[in-house]
Amino acid sequence: MTGSIHIGLAALGSALGVGLIGMKAAEAVGRNPGAAGKILTQAIISSALAEGIVFFAIYLAKGQ
């Protein structure tokens, strides 16, 4: 039961993080359209790192 709870919380946090990254990336491109490529690259890397948290949570749950 505890493994499921921490995986769910990690997934929730990851989803919120990716949503905030997307929101701020869209806002940044709106302010400076010329930097869209650099902003997109940073947003993709940050989203991948935020989603990686869920994989750590799953790995830790398997060890229990």
PDB file of N, CA and C in Angstrom:
ATOM      1  N   MET A   1       0.825  -1.200   0.000  1.00  0.00           N
ATOM      2  CA  MET A   1       0.000   0.000   0.000  1.00  0.00           C
ATOM      3  C   MET A   1       0.868   1.263   0.000  1.00  0.00           C
ATOM      4  N   THR A   2       1.913   1.283   0.794  1.00  0.00           N
ATOM      5  CA  THR A   2       2.735   2.486   0.854  1.00  0.00           C
ATOM      6  C   THR A   2       3.474   2.717  -0.449  1.00  0.00           C
ATOM      7  N   GLY A   3       3.832   1.641  -1.158  1.00  0.00           N
ATOM      8  CA  GLY A   3       4.491   1.799  -2.449  1.00  0.00           C
ATOM      9  C   GLY A   3       3.582   2.481  -3.458  1.00  0.00           C
ATOM     10  N   SER A   4       2.324   2.104  -3.426  1.00  0.00           N
ATOM     11  CA  SER A   4       1.364   2.712  -4.341  1.00  0.00           C
ATOM     12  C   SER A   4       1.159   4.190  -4.032  1.00  0.00           C
ATOM     13  N   ILE A   5       1.171   4.532  -2.775  1.00  0.00           N
ATOM     14  CA  ILE A   5       0.946   5.925  -2.393  1.00  0.00           C
ATOM     15  C   ILE A   5       2.112   6.796  -2.859  1.00  0.00           C
ATOM     16  N   HIS A   6       3.339   6.350  -2.649  1.00  0.00           N
ATOM     17  CA  HIS A   6       4.443   7.222  -3.042  1.00  0.00           C
ATOM     18  C   HIS A   6       4.620   7.270  -4.556  1.00  0.00           C
ATOM     19  N   ILE A   7       4.212   6.218  -5.271  1.00  0.00           N
ATOM     20  CA  ILE A   7       4.235   6.290  -6.733  1.00  0.00           C
ATOM     21  C   ILE A   7       3.179   7.278  -7.224  1.00  0.00           C
ATOM     22  N   GLY A   8       2.008   7.246  -6.609  1.00  0.00           N
ATOM     23  CA  GLY A   8       0.950   8.180  -6.979  1.00  0.00           C
ATOM     24  C   GLY A   8       1.323   9.624  -6.708  1.00  0.00           C
ATOM     25  N   LEU A   9       1.953   9.853  -5.562  1.00  0.00           N
ATOM     26  CA  LEU A   9       2.388  11.220  -5.244  1.00  0.00           C
ATOM     27  C   LEU A   9       3.495  11.683  -6.187  1.00  0.00           C
ATOM     28  N   ALA A  10       4.392  10.776  -6.546  1.00  0.00           N
ATOM     29  CA  ALA A  10       5.450  11.138  -7.495  1.00  0.00           C
ATOM     30  C   ALA A  10       4.853  11.459  -8.867  1.00  0.00           C
ATOM     31  N   ALA A  11       3.859  10.679  -9.284  1.00  0.00           N
ATOM     32  CA  ALA A  11       3.209  10.939 -10.572  1.00  0.00           C
ATOM     33  C   ALA A  11       2.449  12.266 -10.546  1.00  0.00           C
ATOM     34  N   LEU A  12       1.811  12.553  -9.430  1.00  0.00           N
ATOM     35  CA  LEU A  12       1.096  13.825  -9.299  1.00  0.00           C
ATOM     36  C   LEU A  12       2.054  15.001  -9.353  1.00  0.00           C
ATOM     37  N   GLY A  13       3.149  14.897  -8.612  1.00  0.00           N
ATOM     38  CA  GLY A  13       4.148  15.966  -8.632  1.00  0.00           C
ATOM     39  C   GLY A  13       4.776  16.142 -10.002  1.00  0.00           C
ATOM     40  N   SER A  14       5.018  15.030 -10.673  1.00  0.00           N
ATOM     41  CA  SER A  14       5.594  15.096 -12.009  1.00  0.00           C
ATOM     42  C   SER A  14       4.629  15.761 -12.991  1.00  0.00           C
ATOM     43  N   ALA A  15       3.363  15.404 -12.902  1.00  0.00           N
ATOM     44  CA  ALA A  15       2.371  16.005 -13.793  1.00  0.00           C
ATOM     45  C   ALA A  15       2.249  17.513 -13.553  1.00  0.00           C
ATOM     46  N   LEU A  16       2.255  17.905 -12.297  1.00  0.00           N
ATOM     47  CA  LEU A  16       2.203  19.341 -11.990  1.00  0.00           C
ATOM     48  C   LEU A  16       3.451  20.056 -12.501  1.00  0.00           C
ATOM     49  N   GLY A  17       4.600  19.423 -12.321  1.00  0.00           N
ATOM     50  CA  GLY A  17       5.847  20.020 -12.788  1.00  0.00           C
ATOM     51  C   GLY A  17       5.883  20.197 -14.300  1.00  0.00           C
ATOM     52  N   VAL A  18       5.455  19.173 -15.028  1.00  0.00           N
ATOM     53  CA  VAL A  18       5.445  19.263 -16.489  1.00  0.00           C
ATOM     54  C   VAL A  18       4.443  20.324 -16.947  1.00  0.00           C
ATOM     55  N   GLY A  19       3.320  20.416 -16.267  1.00  0.00           N
ATOM     56  CA  GLY A  19       2.341  21.449 -16.604  1.00  0.00           C
ATOM     57  C   GLY A  19       2.881  22.854 -16.389  1.00  0.00           C
ATOM     58  N   LEU A  20       3.568  23.046 -15.277  1.00  0.00           N
ATOM     59  CA  LEU A  20       4.164  24.365 -15.010  1.00  0.00           C
ATOM     60  C   LEU A  20       5.274  24.690 -16.016  1.00  0.00           C
ATOM     61  N   ILE A  21       6.058  23.689 -16.374  1.00  0.00           N
ATOM     62  CA  ILE A  21       7.113  23.907 -17.369  1.00  0.00           C
ATOM     63  C   ILE A  21       6.506  24.327 -18.696  1.00  0.00           C
ATOM     64  N   GLY A  22       5.454  23.635 -19.117  1.00  0.00           N
ATOM     65  CA  GLY A  22       4.793  23.991 -20.369  1.00  0.00           C
ATOM     66  C   GLY A  22       4.178  25.382 -20.331  1.00  0.00           C
ATOM     67  N   MET A  23       3.574  25.724 -19.202  1.00  0.00           N
ATOM     68  CA  MET A  23       2.964  27.042 -19.061  1.00  0.00           C
ATOM     69  C   MET A  23       4.008  28.149 -19.157  1.00  0.00           C
ATOM     70  N   LYS A  24       5.083  27.980 -18.437  1.00  0.00           N
ATOM     71  CA  LYS A  24       6.121  29.014 -18.432  1.00  0.00           C
ATOM     72  C   LYS A  24       6.870  29.068 -19.759  1.00  0.00           C
ATOM     73  N   ALA A  25       7.019  27.918 -20.430  1.00  0.00           N
ATOM     74  CA  ALA A  25       7.674  27.924 -21.738  1.00  0.00           C
ATOM     75  C   ALA A  25       6.818  28.683 -22.754  1.00  0.00           C
ATOM     76  N   ALA A  26       5.506  28.445 -22.728  1.00  0.00           N
ATOM     77  CA  ALA A  26       4.621  29.170 -23.635  1.00  0.00           C
ATOM     78  C   ALA A  26       4.643  30.667 -23.347  1.00  0.00           C
ATOM     79  N   GLU A  27       4.681  31.015 -22.070  1.00  0.00           N
ATOM     80  CA  GLU A  27       4.765  32.427 -21.688  1.00  0.00           C
ATOM     81  C   GLU A  27       6.074  33.050 -22.168  1.00  0.00           C
ATOM     82  N   ALA A  28       7.172  32.313 -22.030  1.00  0.00           N
ATOM     83  CA  ALA A  28       8.472  32.834 -22.451  1.00  0.00           C
ATOM     84  C   ALA A  28       8.541  33.011 -23.963  1.00  0.00           C
ATOM     85  N   VAL A  29       7.971  32.080 -24.716  1.00  0.00           N
ATOM     86  CA  VAL A  29       7.960  32.219 -26.178  1.00  0.00           C
ATOM     87  C   VAL A  29       7.077  33.395 -26.583  1.00  0.00           C
ATOM     88  N   GLY A  30       6.011  33.619 -25.856  1.00  0.00           N
ATOM     89  CA  GLY A  30       5.158  34.767 -26.135  1.00  0.00           C
ATOM     90  C   GLY A  30       5.886  36.088 -25.923  1.00  0.00           C
ATOM     91  N   ARG A  31       6.757  36.110 -24.943  1.00  0.00           N
ATOM     92  CA  ARG A  31       7.511  37.333 -24.667  1.00  0.00           C
ATOM     93  C   ARG A  31       8.676  37.526 -25.625  1.00  0.00           C
ATOM     94  N   ASN A  32       9.310  36.419 -26.033  1.00  0.00           N
ATOM     95  CA  ASN A  32      10.486  36.509 -26.893  1.00  0.00           C
ATOM     96  C   ASN A  32      10.434  35.397 -27.948  1.00  0.00           C
ATOM     97  N   PRO A  33       9.697  35.620 -29.039  1.00  0.00           N
ATOM     98  CA  PRO A  33       9.547  34.571 -30.050  1.00  0.00           C
ATOM     99  C   PRO A  33      10.864  34.169 -30.722  1.00  0.00           C
ATOM    100  N   GLY A  34      11.833  35.028 -30.719  1.00  0.00           N
ATOM    101  CA  GLY A  34      13.109  34.720 -31.348  1.00  0.00           C
ATOM    102  C   GLY A  34      13.896  33.644 -30.620  1.00  0.00           C
ATOM    103  N   ALA A  35      13.600  33.434 -29.362  1.00  0.00           N
ATOM    104  CA  ALA A  35      14.312  32.441 -28.567  1.00  0.00           C
ATOM    105  C   ALA A  35      13.521  31.146 -28.426  1.00  0.00           C
ATOM    106  N   ALA A  36      12.580  30.903 -29.317  1.00  0.00           N
ATOM    107  CA  ALA A  36      11.699  29.738 -29.195  1.00  0.00           C
ATOM    108  C   ALA A  36      12.468  28.423 -29.216  1.00  0.00           C
ATOM    109  N   GLY A  37      13.496  28.323 -30.045  1.00  0.00           N
ATOM    110  CA  GLY A  37      14.263  27.079 -30.131  1.00  0.00           C
ATOM    111  C   GLY A  37      14.978  26.748 -28.836  1.00  0.00           C
ATOM    112  N   LYS A  38      15.618  27.734 -28.252  1.00  0.00           N
ATOM    113  CA  LYS A  38      16.333  27.512 -26.988  1.00  0.00           C
ATOM    114  C   LYS A  38      15.357  27.204 -25.851  1.00  0.00           C
ATOM    115  N   ILE A  39      14.221  27.897 -25.849  1.00  0.00           N
ATOM    116  CA  ILE A  39      13.227  27.670 -24.806  1.00  0.00           C
ATOM    117  C   ILE A  39      12.642  26.269 -24.939  1.00  0.00           C
ATOM    118  N   LEU A  40      12.358  25.844 -26.169  1.00  0.00           N
ATOM    119  CA  LEU A  40      11.812  24.508 -26.391  1.00  0.00           C
ATOM    120  C   LEU A  40      12.786  23.437 -25.925  1.00  0.00           C
ATOM    121  N   THR A  41      14.058  23.614 -26.221  1.00  0.00           N
ATOM    122  CA  THR A  41      15.069  22.641 -25.795  1.00  0.00           C
ATOM    123  C   THR A  41      15.113  22.529 -24.277  1.00  0.00           C
ATOM    124  N   GLN A  42      15.145  23.658 -23.598  1.00  0.00           N
ATOM    125  CA  GLN A  42      15.178  23.639 -22.139  1.00  0.00           C
ATOM    126  C   GLN A  42      13.901  23.041 -21.550  1.00  0.00           C
ATOM    127  N   ALA A  43      12.758  23.316 -22.169  1.00  0.00           N
ATOM    128  CA  ALA A  43      11.490  22.781 -21.666  1.00  0.00           C
ATOM    129  C   ALA A  43      11.447  21.261 -21.820  1.00  0.00           C
ATOM    130  N   ILE A  44      11.940  20.741 -22.927  1.00  0.00           N
ATOM    131  CA  ILE A  44      11.941  19.291 -23.142  1.00  0.00           C
ATOM    132  C   ILE A  44      12.866  18.604 -22.141  1.00  0.00           C
ATOM    133  N   ILE A  45      14.048  19.154 -21.931  1.00  0.00           N
ATOM    134  CA  ILE A  45      14.988  18.566 -20.965  1.00  0.00           C
ATOM    135  C   ILE A  45      14.401  18.611 -19.560  1.00  0.00           C
ATOM    136  N   SER A  46      13.817  19.723 -19.186  1.00  0.00           N
ATOM    137  CA  SER A  46      13.235  19.855 -17.843  1.00  0.00           C
ATOM    138  C   SER A  46      12.048  18.917 -17.647  1.00  0.00           C
ATOM    139  N   SER A  47      11.233  18.743 -18.684  1.00  0.00           N
ATOM    140  CA  SER A  47      10.103  17.818 -18.598  1.00  0.00           C
ATOM    141  C   SER A  47      10.578  16.382 -18.440  1.00  0.00           C
ATOM    142  N   ALA A  48      11.623  16.016 -19.157  1.00  0.00           N
ATOM    143  CA  ALA A  48      12.165  14.659 -19.041  1.00  0.00           C
ATOM    144  C   ALA A  48      12.708  14.408 -17.633  1.00  0.00           C
ATOM    145  N   LEU A  49      13.370  15.385 -17.057  1.00  0.00           N
ATOM    146  CA  LEU A  49      13.879  15.228 -15.702  1.00  0.00           C
ATOM    147  C   LEU A  49      12.740  15.132 -14.685  1.00  0.00           C
ATOM    148  N   ALA A  50      11.687  15.915 -14.889  1.00  0.00           N
ATOM    149  CA  ALA A  50      10.542  15.864 -13.978  1.00  0.00           C
ATOM    150  C   ALA A  50       9.836  14.514 -14.069  1.00  0.00           C
ATOM    151  N   GLU A  51       9.731  13.958 -15.275  1.00  0.00           N
ATOM    152  CA  GLU A  51       9.081  12.661 -15.437  1.00  0.00           C
ATOM    153  C   GLU A  51       9.955  11.525 -14.927  1.00  0.00           C
ATOM    154  N   GLY A  52      11.250  11.737 -14.862  1.00  0.00           N
ATOM    155  CA  GLY A  52      12.158  10.710 -14.351  1.00  0.00           C
ATOM    156  C   GLY A  52      11.919  10.390 -12.889  1.00  0.00           C
ATOM    157  N   ILE A  53      11.316  11.312 -12.167  1.00  0.00           N
ATOM    158  CA  ILE A  53      11.026  11.091 -10.751  1.00  0.00           C
ATOM    159  C   ILE A  53      10.097   9.894 -10.573  1.00  0.00           C
ATOM    160  N   VAL A  54       9.154   9.725 -11.489  1.00  0.00           N
ATOM    161  CA  VAL A  54       8.216   8.607 -11.399  1.00  0.00           C
ATOM    162  C   VAL A  54       8.963   7.281 -11.544  1.00  0.00           C
ATOM    163  N   PHE A  55       9.949   7.232 -12.420  1.00  0.00           N
ATOM    164  CA  PHE A  55      10.708   5.993 -12.591  1.00  0.00           C
ATOM    165  C   PHE A  55      11.500   5.646 -11.339  1.00  0.00           C
ATOM    166  N   PHE A  56      12.035   6.658 -10.663  1.00  0.00           N
ATOM    167  CA  PHE A  56      12.714   6.409  -9.395  1.00  0.00           C
ATOM    168  C   PHE A  56      11.730   5.865  -8.363  1.00  0.00           C
ATOM    169  N   ALA A  57      10.532   6.411  -8.324  1.00  0.00           N
ATOM    170  CA  ALA A  57       9.527   5.951  -7.362  1.00  0.00           C
ATOM    171  C   ALA A  57       9.127   4.504  -7.650  1.00  0.00           C
ATOM    172  N   ILE A  58       8.968   4.159  -8.922  1.00  0.00           N
ATOM    173  CA  ILE A  58       8.627   2.777  -9.280  1.00  0.00           C
ATOM    174  C   ILE A  58       9.762   1.840  -8.899  1.00  0.00           C
ATOM    175  N   TYR A  59      10.990   2.249  -9.163  1.00  0.00           N
ATOM    176  CA  TYR A  59      12.150   1.425  -8.820  1.00  0.00           C
ATOM    177  C   TYR A  59      12.229   1.203  -7.310  1.00  0.00           C
ATOM    178  N   LEU A  60      11.976   2.246  -6.542  1.00  0.00           N
ATOM    179  CA  LEU A  60      12.024   2.115  -5.083  1.00  0.00           C
ATOM    180  C   LEU A  60      10.892   1.234  -4.568  1.00  0.00           C
ATOM    181  N   ALA A  61       9.742   1.262  -5.222  1.00  0.00           N
ATOM    182  CA  ALA A  61       8.621   0.431  -4.788  1.00  0.00           C
ATOM    183  C   ALA A  61       8.890  -1.042  -5.061  1.00  0.00           C
ATOM    184  N   LYS A  62       9.606  -1.343  -6.142  1.00  0.00           N
ATOM    185  CA  LYS A  62       9.923  -2.739  -6.444  1.00  0.00           C
ATOM    186  C   LYS A  62      10.874  -3.328  -5.420  1.00  0.00           C
ATOM    187  N   GLY A  63      11.724  -2.494  -4.826  1.00  0.00           N
ATOM    188  CA  GLY A  63      12.690  -2.966  -3.856  1.00  0.00           C
ATOM    189  C   GLY A  63      12.080  -3.326  -2.505  1.00  0.00           C
ATOM    190  N   GLN A  64      10.850  -2.929  -2.272  1.00  0.00           N
ATOM    191  CA  GLN A  64      10.226  -3.186  -0.964  1.00  0.00           C
ATOM    192  C   GLN A  64       9.558  -4.515  -0.922  1.00  0.00           C
TER     193      GLN A  64
END
